[in-house]
Protein backbone atom coordinates (compact mmCIF):
# COMPACT_ATOMS: atom_id res chain seq x y z
CA MET A 1 -84.21 -100.28 106.64
CA ALA A 2 -83.60 -96.55 106.78
CA ARG A 3 -80.68 -95.11 104.83
CA PHE A 4 -79.02 -91.98 106.20
CA ILE A 5 -77.88 -88.99 104.16
CA PHE A 6 -75.73 -86.65 106.24
CA ILE A 7 -75.46 -83.10 104.85
CA THR A 8 -72.56 -80.86 105.91
CA GLY A 9 -71.31 -77.51 104.68
CA GLY A 10 -67.94 -75.90 104.29
CA VAL A 11 -66.05 -72.68 103.45
CA VAL A 12 -68.84 -70.26 104.38
CA SER A 13 -72.31 -70.34 105.87
CA SER A 14 -75.53 -69.56 103.95
CA LEU A 15 -74.71 -71.91 101.10
CA GLY A 16 -78.25 -73.37 101.17
CA LYS A 17 -77.86 -76.71 102.92
CA GLY A 18 -81.45 -76.54 104.14
CA LEU A 19 -82.78 -75.87 100.67
CA MET A 20 -80.50 -78.61 99.28
CA ALA A 21 -81.82 -81.11 101.85
CA ALA A 22 -85.41 -80.16 101.09
CA SER A 23 -84.88 -80.45 97.32
CA LEU A 24 -83.10 -83.80 97.54
CA ALA A 25 -85.86 -85.13 99.81
CA ALA A 26 -88.45 -83.95 97.31
CA LEU A 27 -86.65 -85.71 94.48
CA LEU A 28 -86.35 -88.98 96.41
CA GLN A 29 -90.01 -88.67 97.38
CA ALA A 30 -90.96 -88.17 93.71
CA ARG A 31 -89.20 -91.46 93.00
CA GLY A 32 -91.51 -93.26 95.43
CA PHE A 33 -89.37 -93.25 98.61
CA LYS A 34 -90.59 -92.33 102.09
CA VAL A 35 -88.40 -89.56 103.55
CA ARG A 36 -87.92 -87.44 106.63
CA ILE A 37 -85.45 -84.56 107.26
CA ARG A 38 -83.81 -83.66 110.55
CA LYS A 39 -81.81 -80.57 111.54
CA PHE A 40 -78.84 -80.63 113.99
CA ASP A 41 -78.14 -77.17 115.34
CA PRO A 42 -74.81 -76.82 117.26
CA TYR A 43 -75.66 -73.65 119.16
CA LEU A 44 -76.22 -73.83 122.92
CA ASN A 45 -79.72 -72.35 123.02
CA VAL A 46 -82.30 -75.00 123.88
CA ASP A 47 -84.28 -73.85 120.84
CA PRO A 48 -84.53 -70.59 118.84
CA GLY A 49 -87.61 -69.50 120.79
CA THR A 50 -85.86 -66.81 122.76
CA MET A 51 -83.52 -65.68 120.03
CA SER A 52 -83.98 -62.39 118.12
CA PRO A 53 -85.13 -62.82 114.57
CA TYR A 54 -82.12 -60.77 113.59
CA GLN A 55 -79.92 -63.50 115.10
CA HIS A 56 -81.56 -66.57 113.59
CA GLY A 57 -84.43 -65.62 111.35
CA GLU A 58 -87.95 -66.72 112.01
CA VAL A 59 -88.93 -69.36 114.55
CA TYR A 60 -90.74 -72.18 112.80
CA VAL A 61 -93.46 -73.88 114.87
CA THR A 62 -94.60 -77.48 114.35
CA ASP A 63 -98.01 -79.04 115.01
CA ASP A 64 -96.68 -80.52 118.27
CA GLY A 65 -95.58 -77.13 119.57
CA ALA A 66 -91.84 -77.24 118.92
CA GLU A 67 -90.02 -73.95 118.27
CA THR A 68 -87.54 -74.91 115.61
CA ASP A 69 -85.07 -73.75 113.00
CA LEU A 70 -86.58 -72.04 109.92
CA ASP A 71 -85.04 -74.78 107.68
CA LEU A 72 -87.84 -77.05 108.88
CA GLY A 73 -90.21 -74.75 106.98
CA HIS A 74 -88.30 -75.58 103.78
CA TYR A 75 -88.56 -79.23 104.60
CA GLU A 76 -92.34 -79.07 105.06
CA ARG A 77 -92.95 -76.87 101.98
CA PHE A 78 -90.94 -79.09 99.68
CA THR A 79 -92.07 -82.53 100.92
CA GLY A 80 -95.46 -81.95 102.56
CA VAL A 81 -94.24 -84.06 105.51
CA SER A 82 -95.18 -82.29 108.76
CA ALA A 83 -92.17 -81.73 111.01
CA ARG A 84 -92.11 -82.73 114.65
CA GLN A 85 -90.28 -81.84 117.86
CA ALA A 86 -88.08 -84.92 117.13
CA ASP A 87 -86.83 -83.39 113.89
CA ASN A 88 -84.72 -80.59 115.39
CA ILE A 89 -82.06 -80.91 118.05
CA THR A 90 -79.64 -78.38 119.50
CA SER A 91 -76.50 -78.67 121.59
CA GLY A 92 -78.38 -76.85 124.28
CA ARG A 93 -81.12 -79.46 124.44
CA ILE A 94 -78.59 -82.28 124.44
CA TYR A 95 -76.48 -80.78 127.23
CA ARG A 96 -79.61 -79.87 129.26
CA ASP A 97 -80.84 -83.48 129.12
CA ILE A 98 -77.42 -84.95 129.89
CA ILE A 99 -76.92 -82.69 132.92
CA ALA A 100 -80.44 -83.53 134.15
CA LYS A 101 -79.56 -87.24 133.97
CA GLU A 102 -76.27 -86.66 135.74
CA ARG A 103 -77.99 -84.77 138.60
CA ARG A 104 -80.42 -87.67 138.99
CA GLY A 105 -77.52 -90.14 139.20
CA ASP A 106 -78.42 -91.95 135.98
CA TYR A 107 -74.76 -92.35 135.03
CA LEU A 108 -73.97 -94.23 138.24
CA GLY A 109 -70.98 -92.06 139.18
CA ALA A 110 -69.34 -92.12 135.74
CA THR A 111 -67.46 -89.11 134.44
CA VAL A 112 -69.79 -87.39 131.91
CA GLN A 113 -67.88 -86.60 128.72
CA VAL A 114 -68.46 -85.45 125.13
CA ILE A 115 -67.50 -88.92 124.06
CA PRO A 116 -69.45 -91.05 124.63
CA HIS A 117 -72.32 -89.28 126.32
CA VAL A 118 -72.91 -86.31 123.93
CA THR A 119 -72.16 -88.26 120.81
CA ASP A 120 -74.40 -91.14 121.95
CA ALA A 121 -77.26 -88.63 122.48
CA ILE A 122 -76.74 -87.26 118.94
CA LYS A 123 -76.80 -90.76 117.43
CA GLU A 124 -79.89 -91.64 119.39
CA PHE A 125 -81.62 -88.56 118.01
CA ALA A 126 -80.64 -89.37 114.43
CA ARG A 127 -81.89 -92.98 114.60
CA ALA A 128 -85.09 -92.40 116.63
CA ASP A 129 -88.34 -93.42 115.00
CA THR A 130 -86.90 -94.25 111.54
CA ASP A 131 -88.04 -97.89 111.04
CA ASP A 132 -90.74 -97.05 108.49
CA LEU A 133 -88.59 -94.72 106.42
CA ASP A 134 -86.49 -95.21 103.30
CA PHE A 135 -84.31 -92.20 103.77
CA VAL A 136 -83.44 -89.96 106.73
CA LEU A 137 -81.69 -86.74 105.65
CA CYS A 138 -79.72 -85.07 108.47
CA GLU A 139 -78.57 -81.50 107.97
CA ILE A 140 -75.77 -80.31 110.24
CA GLY A 141 -75.90 -76.59 110.98
CA GLY A 142 -72.86 -74.34 110.62
CA THR A 143 -69.67 -75.13 108.69
CA VAL A 144 -67.10 -77.87 109.06
CA GLY A 145 -64.44 -76.78 111.55
CA ASP A 146 -66.74 -74.79 113.81
CA ILE A 147 -65.81 -75.73 117.38
CA GLU A 148 -69.40 -76.17 118.52
CA GLY A 149 -70.10 -78.56 115.61
CA LEU A 150 -67.29 -80.98 116.37
CA PRO A 151 -69.40 -83.37 118.54
CA PHE A 152 -71.93 -83.69 115.78
CA ILE A 153 -69.29 -84.52 113.15
CA GLU A 154 -67.80 -87.08 115.52
CA ALA A 155 -71.23 -88.61 116.12
CA LEU A 156 -71.74 -88.98 112.40
CA ARG A 157 -68.37 -90.61 111.97
CA GLN A 158 -69.24 -93.16 114.63
CA LEU A 159 -72.71 -93.73 113.16
CA HIS A 160 -71.18 -94.41 109.75
CA ASN A 161 -68.99 -97.12 111.33
CA GLU A 162 -71.81 -98.64 113.32
CA LEU A 163 -74.31 -98.96 110.40
CA ASP A 164 -73.91 -101.09 107.35
CA ARG A 165 -71.60 -99.49 104.83
CA ASP A 166 -74.44 -99.21 102.23
CA GLN A 167 -76.61 -97.43 104.75
CA THR A 168 -74.93 -93.98 104.93
CA CYS A 169 -74.01 -91.23 102.43
CA PHE A 170 -72.14 -87.98 103.13
CA VAL A 171 -73.08 -84.99 101.03
CA HIS A 172 -70.82 -81.97 101.47
CA VAL A 173 -72.05 -78.53 100.29
CA THR A 174 -69.20 -76.23 99.44
CA LEU A 175 -68.31 -73.07 97.55
CA VAL A 176 -66.55 -72.65 94.22
CA PRO A 177 -66.10 -68.87 94.08
CA TYR A 178 -65.69 -66.91 90.90
CA ILE A 179 -62.78 -64.45 90.94
CA ALA A 180 -63.78 -61.69 88.55
CA ALA A 181 -60.31 -60.20 88.27
CA ALA A 182 -58.96 -63.57 87.14
CA GLY A 183 -62.06 -64.62 85.23
CA GLU A 184 -61.86 -68.04 86.87
CA LEU A 185 -63.77 -70.35 89.18
CA LYS A 186 -61.48 -71.38 92.04
CA THR A 187 -61.59 -74.95 93.43
CA LYS A 188 -59.06 -74.48 96.23
CA PRO A 189 -61.67 -73.50 98.92
CA THR A 190 -63.55 -76.71 98.17
CA GLN A 191 -60.36 -78.77 98.39
CA HIS A 192 -59.49 -77.20 101.78
CA SER A 193 -63.03 -77.78 103.05
CA VAL A 194 -62.95 -81.44 102.10
CA ARG A 195 -59.49 -81.85 103.67
CA GLU A 196 -60.88 -80.34 106.88
CA LEU A 197 -63.74 -82.88 106.83
CA THR A 198 -61.54 -85.88 106.06
CA GLY A 199 -59.28 -84.76 108.87
CA LEU A 200 -62.24 -85.30 111.20
CA GLY A 201 -62.68 -88.81 109.89
CA ILE A 202 -65.35 -88.32 107.23
CA GLN A 203 -64.83 -88.77 103.50
CA PRO A 204 -67.66 -87.11 101.55
CA ASP A 205 -69.33 -89.26 98.91
CA ILE A 206 -71.00 -86.40 96.98
CA LEU A 207 -69.99 -82.77 96.60
CA LEU A 208 -72.58 -80.11 95.89
CA CYS A 209 -70.69 -77.13 94.58
CA ARG A 210 -72.36 -73.71 94.87
CA CYS A 211 -71.11 -71.44 92.07
CA GLU A 212 -72.34 -68.43 90.20
CA LYS A 213 -70.89 -69.54 86.88
CA PRO A 214 -71.26 -72.94 85.12
CA LEU A 215 -68.71 -75.49 86.36
CA PRO A 216 -66.63 -76.70 83.42
CA ASN A 217 -65.87 -80.38 83.05
CA ASN A 218 -62.18 -79.88 83.64
CA GLU A 219 -62.89 -78.20 86.96
CA ARG A 220 -65.25 -80.98 87.98
CA ALA A 221 -62.57 -83.47 87.15
CA LYS A 222 -60.04 -81.46 89.16
CA ILE A 223 -62.32 -81.40 92.20
CA ALA A 224 -63.05 -85.07 91.90
CA GLN A 225 -59.33 -85.94 91.70
CA PHE A 226 -58.27 -83.83 94.68
CA CYS A 227 -61.28 -84.61 96.81
CA ASN A 228 -61.36 -88.33 96.14
CA VAL A 229 -64.88 -88.64 94.70
CA ARG A 230 -66.27 -89.72 91.31
CA LYS A 231 -66.53 -86.91 88.75
CA GLU A 232 -70.28 -87.68 88.47
CA ALA A 233 -70.50 -87.04 92.20
CA VAL A 234 -69.38 -83.41 91.78
CA ILE A 235 -72.71 -81.69 91.34
CA PRO A 236 -72.82 -78.00 90.29
CA ALA A 237 -75.42 -75.87 92.06
CA LEU A 238 -75.94 -72.54 90.37
CA ASP A 239 -78.23 -69.78 91.60
CA ALA A 240 -81.82 -70.39 90.56
CA SER A 241 -84.53 -67.99 89.54
CA SER A 242 -86.72 -69.28 92.37
CA ILE A 243 -86.18 -71.68 95.22
CA TYR A 244 -88.89 -73.83 93.64
CA ALA A 245 -86.70 -74.26 90.59
CA VAL A 246 -83.97 -75.90 92.69
CA PRO A 247 -85.34 -79.45 92.65
CA LEU A 248 -85.60 -79.30 88.87
CA GLN A 249 -82.07 -77.97 88.61
CA TYR A 250 -80.61 -80.61 90.91
CA HIS A 251 -82.40 -83.34 89.08
CA ALA A 252 -81.05 -82.07 85.76
CA GLU A 253 -77.55 -82.17 87.26
CA GLY A 254 -78.03 -85.78 88.42
CA LEU A 255 -78.02 -85.32 92.19
CA ASP A 256 -80.80 -87.80 92.97
CA GLN A 257 -79.38 -90.34 90.51
CA GLU A 258 -75.96 -90.09 92.13
CA VAL A 259 -77.48 -90.70 95.55
CA LEU A 260 -79.24 -93.81 94.30
CA HIS A 261 -76.05 -94.95 92.62
CA HIS A 262 -74.21 -94.60 95.92
CA PHE A 263 -76.70 -96.82 97.65
CA GLY A 264 -76.92 -99.33 94.78
CA LEU A 265 -80.62 -98.58 94.25
CA THR A 266 -82.71 -98.19 91.18
CA ALA A 267 -86.04 -96.38 90.91
CA ALA A 268 -88.37 -94.94 88.34
CA LEU A 269 -87.67 -91.45 87.08
CA PRO A 270 -89.45 -88.83 89.20
CA ASP A 271 -92.57 -87.14 87.95
CA MET A 272 -91.51 -83.48 87.89
CA HIS A 273 -94.61 -82.08 86.23
CA GLY A 274 -95.89 -80.59 89.53
CA TRP A 275 -92.59 -78.75 90.06
CA GLU A 276 -92.62 -77.57 86.45
CA ASP A 277 -96.11 -76.15 86.91
CA ILE A 278 -95.07 -74.32 90.05
CA VAL A 279 -92.07 -72.75 88.34
CA ASP A 280 -94.21 -71.82 85.35
CA ARG A 281 -96.72 -70.08 87.61
CA PHE A 282 -93.92 -68.19 89.21
CA GLN A 283 -92.06 -67.21 86.02
CA ASN A 284 -95.06 -66.50 83.80
CA PRO A 285 -97.66 -64.62 85.86
CA GLU A 286 -100.73 -63.10 84.22
CA GLY A 287 -100.79 -60.03 86.51
CA GLU A 288 -99.19 -58.54 89.58
CA VAL A 289 -100.12 -57.05 92.93
CA THR A 290 -98.20 -55.09 95.58
CA ILE A 291 -98.54 -56.08 99.20
CA GLY A 292 -97.32 -53.84 102.01
CA VAL A 293 -96.07 -55.78 105.02
CA VAL A 294 -95.88 -53.44 108.01
CA GLY A 295 -93.67 -55.07 110.60
CA LYS A 296 -90.72 -54.51 112.95
CA TYR A 297 -88.09 -56.97 111.64
CA VAL A 298 -88.23 -55.88 108.01
CA GLY A 299 -84.47 -55.37 107.89
CA LEU A 300 -83.95 -59.13 107.65
CA PRO A 301 -86.15 -61.08 105.18
CA ASP A 302 -85.50 -64.40 106.92
CA ALA A 303 -87.39 -63.00 109.94
CA TYR A 304 -90.59 -63.44 107.90
CA LYS A 305 -89.44 -66.39 105.75
CA SER A 306 -92.67 -68.44 105.91
CA LEU A 307 -94.75 -65.29 105.40
CA ASN A 308 -92.82 -64.39 102.31
CA GLU A 309 -93.32 -67.88 100.90
CA ALA A 310 -97.00 -67.98 101.76
CA LEU A 311 -97.54 -64.76 99.83
CA VAL A 312 -95.65 -66.28 96.87
CA HIS A 313 -97.98 -69.33 97.16
CA GLY A 314 -100.97 -67.04 97.19
CA GLY A 315 -99.69 -65.52 93.97
CA MET A 316 -99.21 -68.93 92.42
CA ALA A 317 -102.81 -69.83 93.33
CA ASN A 318 -104.00 -66.76 91.40
CA ARG A 319 -101.21 -66.85 88.76
CA VAL A 320 -99.99 -63.36 89.62
CA LYS A 321 -96.67 -61.96 90.70
CA VAL A 322 -96.66 -60.67 94.32
CA ASN A 323 -94.39 -57.69 94.87
CA ILE A 324 -93.73 -57.42 98.60
CA LYS A 325 -92.89 -54.02 100.06
CA TRP A 326 -91.41 -54.39 103.54
CA ILE A 327 -92.34 -51.33 105.58
CA ASP A 328 -90.96 -50.54 109.01
CA ALA A 329 -93.89 -49.86 111.35
CA GLU A 330 -91.86 -47.25 113.17
CA LEU A 331 -92.20 -44.98 110.13
CA PHE A 332 -95.76 -44.33 111.25
CA GLU A 333 -95.09 -43.85 114.94
CA ALA A 334 -94.94 -40.06 114.88
CA GLY A 335 -98.31 -39.69 113.17
CA ASP A 336 -100.07 -40.27 109.90
CA GLY A 337 -97.81 -38.10 107.71
CA ASP A 338 -96.02 -40.99 105.96
CA ILE A 339 -98.90 -43.39 105.81
CA VAL A 340 -100.54 -42.15 102.64
CA SER A 341 -97.35 -42.05 100.52
CA ASN A 342 -96.35 -45.52 101.77
CA LEU A 343 -99.62 -47.40 101.82
CA GLU A 344 -101.74 -45.80 99.07
CA PRO A 345 -99.94 -47.65 96.30
CA MET A 346 -100.57 -51.00 98.07
CA HIS A 347 -103.20 -53.43 96.80
CA GLY A 348 -103.19 -55.22 100.15
CA ILE A 349 -101.83 -54.53 103.66
CA LEU A 350 -100.55 -57.24 106.00
CA VAL A 351 -99.57 -56.75 109.59
CA PRO A 352 -97.59 -59.82 110.80
CA GLY A 353 -96.79 -61.26 114.18
CA GLY A 354 -94.15 -59.84 116.52
CA PHE A 355 -93.33 -59.07 120.10
CA GLY A 356 -92.88 -55.87 122.08
CA VAL A 357 -94.09 -52.32 121.95
CA ARG A 358 -91.76 -51.01 119.25
CA GLY A 359 -93.77 -50.23 116.13
CA SER A 360 -97.12 -51.05 117.71
CA GLU A 361 -98.67 -47.68 117.11
CA GLY A 362 -97.47 -47.79 113.50
CA LYS A 363 -99.22 -51.13 113.05
CA ILE A 364 -102.45 -49.76 114.55
CA ALA A 365 -102.24 -46.77 112.16
CA SER A 366 -101.79 -49.21 109.27
CA VAL A 367 -104.87 -51.11 110.30
CA ARG A 368 -106.87 -47.89 110.46
CA PHE A 369 -105.71 -46.94 106.91
CA ALA A 370 -106.73 -50.35 105.61
CA ARG A 371 -110.14 -50.21 107.27
CA GLU A 372 -110.96 -46.62 106.19
CA ARG A 373 -109.61 -46.89 102.66
CA LYS A 374 -111.25 -50.33 102.09
CA VAL A 375 -107.86 -51.86 101.20
CA PRO A 376 -107.70 -55.73 101.70
CA PHE A 377 -106.19 -56.41 105.13
CA LEU A 378 -104.72 -59.51 106.76
CA GLY A 379 -103.57 -59.32 110.39
CA ILE A 380 -101.62 -62.26 111.83
CA CYS A 381 -101.11 -62.91 115.55
CA LEU A 382 -100.04 -59.44 116.89
CA GLY A 383 -101.59 -58.06 113.66
CA MET A 384 -105.00 -59.35 114.74
CA GLN A 385 -104.50 -57.91 118.22
CA MET A 386 -103.64 -54.49 116.76
CA ALA A 387 -106.76 -54.71 114.57
CA CYS A 388 -108.77 -55.26 117.75
CA VAL A 389 -107.11 -52.33 119.50
CA GLU A 390 -107.72 -50.06 116.47
CA GLY A 391 -111.33 -51.18 116.31
CA ALA A 392 -111.76 -50.56 120.04
CA ARG A 393 -110.36 -47.03 119.82
CA ASN A 394 -111.89 -45.84 116.57
CA THR A 395 -115.21 -47.77 116.04
CA ALA A 396 -116.19 -48.92 119.52
CA GLY A 397 -115.44 -45.73 121.39
CA ILE A 398 -112.87 -47.26 123.85
CA THR A 399 -110.29 -44.57 123.40
CA GLY A 400 -107.90 -45.92 126.05
CA ALA A 401 -107.70 -49.42 124.49
CA GLY A 402 -104.31 -51.06 124.57
CA SER A 403 -102.37 -54.25 125.30
CA THR A 404 -100.77 -55.17 128.64
CA GLU A 405 -97.82 -56.41 126.61
CA PHE A 406 -96.90 -52.74 126.09
CA GLY A 407 -97.40 -51.65 129.71
CA GLU A 408 -100.28 -50.77 132.05
CA THR A 409 -103.54 -49.84 130.39
CA SER A 410 -106.99 -48.87 131.67
CA GLU A 411 -108.62 -50.81 128.86
CA PRO A 412 -106.75 -54.10 128.32
CA VAL A 413 -108.37 -55.23 125.06
CA VAL A 414 -105.30 -57.54 124.80
CA GLY A 415 -103.85 -59.23 127.80
CA ILE A 416 -101.53 -62.04 128.90
CA ILE A 417 -103.13 -65.50 128.71
CA THR A 418 -102.87 -67.25 132.08
CA GLU A 419 -104.55 -70.57 131.32
CA TRP A 420 -105.92 -72.47 128.37
CA MET A 421 -106.85 -76.01 127.32
CA SER A 422 -104.32 -77.88 125.19
CA PRO A 423 -104.24 -81.49 123.94
CA GLU A 424 -102.21 -82.30 127.08
CA GLY A 425 -104.81 -80.65 129.35
CA LEU A 426 -105.08 -77.35 131.24
CA GLN A 427 -102.03 -75.07 130.79
CA LYS A 428 -101.22 -72.30 133.26
CA ARG A 429 -98.76 -69.46 132.91
CA GLY A 430 -97.88 -66.30 134.80
CA ALA A 431 -96.20 -63.00 133.95
CA ASP A 432 -93.01 -64.15 135.62
CA THR A 433 -92.85 -67.46 133.76
CA ASP A 434 -89.68 -68.32 131.77
CA MET A 435 -89.71 -66.84 128.30
CA GLY A 436 -88.67 -70.00 126.44
CA GLY A 437 -91.27 -72.60 125.48
CA THR A 438 -94.05 -71.18 127.63
CA MET A 439 -96.29 -69.62 125.05
CA ARG A 440 -99.42 -71.10 123.48
CA LEU A 441 -97.59 -73.26 120.92
CA GLY A 442 -98.55 -75.66 118.18
CA ALA A 443 -101.75 -76.72 116.54
CA TYR A 444 -105.09 -75.76 118.11
CA GLU A 445 -108.62 -76.16 116.80
CA ALA A 446 -110.88 -73.18 116.05
CA LYS A 447 -114.64 -73.18 115.45
CA LEU A 448 -115.92 -70.96 112.61
CA ALA A 449 -119.18 -69.11 112.44
CA GLY A 450 -121.19 -70.75 109.70
CA ASN A 451 -122.24 -67.58 107.86
CA SER A 452 -118.84 -65.89 108.10
CA HIS A 453 -116.48 -64.69 105.42
CA VAL A 454 -113.66 -66.76 106.81
CA SER A 455 -115.79 -69.93 106.71
CA ALA A 456 -116.30 -69.29 103.00
CA ILE A 457 -112.52 -68.75 102.60
CA TYR A 458 -111.98 -72.19 104.19
CA GLY A 459 -114.45 -73.79 101.77
CA GLY A 460 -117.39 -73.86 104.13
CA ALA A 461 -115.46 -75.49 106.97
CA THR A 462 -116.87 -75.14 110.50
CA SER A 463 -113.69 -76.30 112.26
CA ILE A 464 -110.02 -75.76 111.41
CA SER A 465 -106.64 -76.54 112.96
CA GLU A 466 -103.88 -73.95 112.86
CA ARG A 467 -100.50 -73.35 114.53
CA HIS A 468 -100.01 -70.74 117.26
CA ARG A 469 -97.15 -68.96 118.92
CA HIS A 470 -98.13 -66.20 121.27
CA ARG A 471 -98.35 -65.23 124.95
CA TYR A 472 -101.15 -62.60 124.74
CA GLU A 473 -104.76 -62.93 123.69
CA VAL A 474 -107.61 -60.62 122.73
CA ASN A 475 -109.75 -60.14 125.89
CA GLY A 476 -113.12 -61.81 125.32
CA ALA A 477 -114.71 -59.37 127.82
CA TYR A 478 -114.60 -56.73 125.05
CA ARG A 479 -116.29 -58.91 122.38
CA ASP A 480 -119.73 -57.28 122.56
CA ALA A 481 -118.30 -53.75 122.42
CA LEU A 482 -116.03 -54.65 119.46
CA GLU A 483 -118.84 -56.35 117.58
CA LYS A 484 -121.07 -53.33 118.04
CA GLY A 485 -118.24 -51.37 116.40
CA GLY A 486 -118.34 -53.74 113.39
CA LEU A 487 -115.54 -56.17 114.20
CA VAL A 488 -117.09 -59.63 114.20
CA PHE A 489 -115.56 -62.55 116.11
CA SER A 490 -115.97 -65.27 113.42
CA GLY A 491 -113.59 -67.89 114.94
CA MET A 492 -113.31 -69.01 118.55
CA SER A 493 -111.57 -71.76 120.49
CA PRO A 494 -113.75 -74.91 120.99
CA ASP A 495 -114.67 -73.78 124.58
CA GLY A 496 -115.71 -70.37 123.25
CA LEU A 497 -113.26 -68.46 125.45
CA LEU A 498 -110.33 -67.46 123.15
CA PRO A 499 -110.87 -65.33 120.04
CA GLU A 500 -109.16 -66.89 117.02
CA ILE A 501 -110.46 -64.84 114.02
CA VAL A 502 -112.02 -61.40 113.54
CA GLU A 503 -113.42 -59.89 110.37
CA ARG A 504 -115.37 -56.86 109.16
CA PRO A 505 -118.48 -57.71 107.10
CA ASP A 506 -118.69 -54.08 105.84
CA HIS A 507 -115.22 -54.31 104.34
CA PRO A 508 -114.26 -55.97 101.01
CA TRP A 509 -111.65 -58.23 102.74
CA PHE A 510 -110.61 -57.63 106.32
CA VAL A 511 -109.46 -60.64 108.35
CA GLY A 512 -107.38 -60.95 111.50
CA VAL A 513 -106.24 -64.33 112.86
CA GLN A 514 -104.54 -65.17 116.14
CA PHE A 515 -102.65 -68.09 114.61
CA HIS A 516 -99.91 -68.28 111.96
CA PRO A 517 -101.43 -69.57 108.71
CA GLU A 518 -98.17 -69.02 106.84
CA LEU A 519 -96.66 -72.02 108.67
CA LYS A 520 -99.00 -74.42 106.83
CA SER A 521 -98.87 -72.96 103.34
CA ARG A 522 -97.28 -75.09 100.63
CA PRO A 523 -96.50 -74.37 96.94
CA PHE A 524 -98.69 -77.31 95.93
CA ASP A 525 -101.35 -76.38 98.46
CA PRO A 526 -101.42 -72.60 99.07
CA HIS A 527 -103.14 -71.66 102.36
CA PRO A 528 -106.69 -70.47 101.61
CA LEU A 529 -106.21 -67.27 103.64
CA PHE A 530 -103.24 -66.22 101.46
CA ALA A 531 -104.96 -67.40 98.23
CA GLY A 532 -108.05 -65.35 99.21
CA PHE A 533 -105.97 -62.33 100.35
CA ILE A 534 -104.05 -62.16 97.03
CA ALA A 535 -107.33 -62.63 95.07
CA ALA A 536 -108.78 -59.68 96.93
CA ALA A 537 -105.60 -57.66 96.28
CA LEU A 538 -105.93 -58.51 92.55
CA ASP A 539 -109.52 -57.14 92.61
CA GLN A 540 -108.17 -54.02 94.36
CA SER A 541 -105.53 -53.55 91.66
CA ARG A 542 -108.23 -53.42 89.02
CA LEU A 543 -110.03 -50.59 90.84
CA VAL A 544 -107.00 -48.28 90.86
C-alpha cells in the first residue's frame, strides 16, 4: 500500500520544496523504503520545453523523453530513481487532455468543470502506477493561495478523504523570517500561511520552517500551538553549506522520524555514511580548479542547474573544489580582445547547450582558444556543434562553415535533423514543426570507437546510453573533411548516421558530445565525462 506525502509551500516561492522532497525521499530510502517523487506544476504550459530558461530554469529531460521541471533533477540526484514522463504534470497537460476528450464526446454531453473533471485527472495522476511503492511524495508547485494552484489543493483534499486516514501526510514548507531591526524571528507569516491552507480544507501535519537563524524552543511551541500541530512536527530548516548537507540536517532535526511517527511506522535508523562522505568531499577538498562555462544564459544559475551539479560531482570524484566562472559568450562576439583575459586563467573550458544565434560566435572563439592553447575542453550539445564548426573553419579549410540554425549558410556543417530512428520507430520532423516536444528527446544509444579517448573515459565501453534534447545535428557529410582536420568522430548512432561524440587525439583533453551527460550525473555516481574533465583540469592547474 503506497502512502502519500503531499508537499506544499507558503508565504513566498523559492523556499526549497523540491530540495526538501528530494531530501525526505532520500532519508526514507535510506531506511529501506521504496520511494518515488512527483511534481505538480500549476502553470498552463504543457511542459517547460518552450519556456525561456530565464522564466523557469533548465528543462530536465528524462530517459523516456519528457521535458520536465528542474526539480526532477534533484529527485534523481538524491534518490538515484530515474524520473519518467508520469512524474511531472502541468495544468496545461491536464486541460489539453480534458478538452481533447470533450471534443471526442467522451463526457457524453456532460458539462466539463474543474470539479470533478480537473480534480479527478489530478488524483488519477497522483495514484497512477504506485502499487509497488511504499511512499509517493507529491510536490505542489507555487505557493498556497495562487489562483492557478487551487484545483491541485482541492484534488489533494479530496484524495485525503478518499484514502485511508493513515495513508496521507501533509508537509507544509513555510518561512520564518528574521527581522534584523527587531532582532527576532517572526512566526506570523507561517501562521497566516497555515490559516490559508486550512481555509482550503487541508490541515498540515508537519511544518518545515525555513529560517536563517536557529528556531528557539519557545518559537517552535508557539508555531505548534497556533498552527495545530505537535511541537515535534515543527521542523527548523536552516540554510546549509551545500545542498548535499540537507538530508543530514533534516535527519538531525527529526524530519524522517516525524513522518514515520505520523504513519505509525517503525524502521531502522538510516545509514548516513554515504551522505557524510559526500559532504566531507565537498567541504574538505585537497585542491581546486577553475572552469570557465561560456554560455548565453549565465545570468541565471538555474538555467544550468544540472550542469553546475555535474561539475560539483566531478570535483567530488577528484576530491577538489570546482570554482565555476560563468562567462557570457557575447563578450567574445566582437573579436578575440577579451578572450585571453577571461579564459587564460581557466583550467578547463566548457561550452554548454543552448538555442539560437546569440553568442554563437563567442562560443566558437572559445573552442578555438581551448584547442590552440591545449586547455581541457568539453562541449555539450550546441557546444559540440560549435566545436565542429570551429574545426571546419580553422583546421579543415571550410571557411564558410556554419549552422542552418543561425540562418542560410553555404557550408551547413550543422543542420536541422529531419528524420531519425527512436525506440518508437522512425521519427520525422520539418522546419515548420511545432516547437514543443518535437526535438530528439530522451535516451539514445551511441556506439564508441574501441581505441578512442572517450571509450577509455567510459571504462572501455563500446556502447552507451545518454539523454538528448536538440533539433539540429552535425552533418555527417562533412565527417571526412573534419577528420582530416584532426577532429575524430569517436561516437555514432547505432545506424552510423548521426554523430554523437567528437574528440581531438592531438589534444590533452578535447571532447564534444551531442547529448547532455549532466542529466545522468549523481553525487554517489559522478558522470565519467565530468570526472575525467575535472581530472584533466587538475592536471592543467599543475602546469600553470
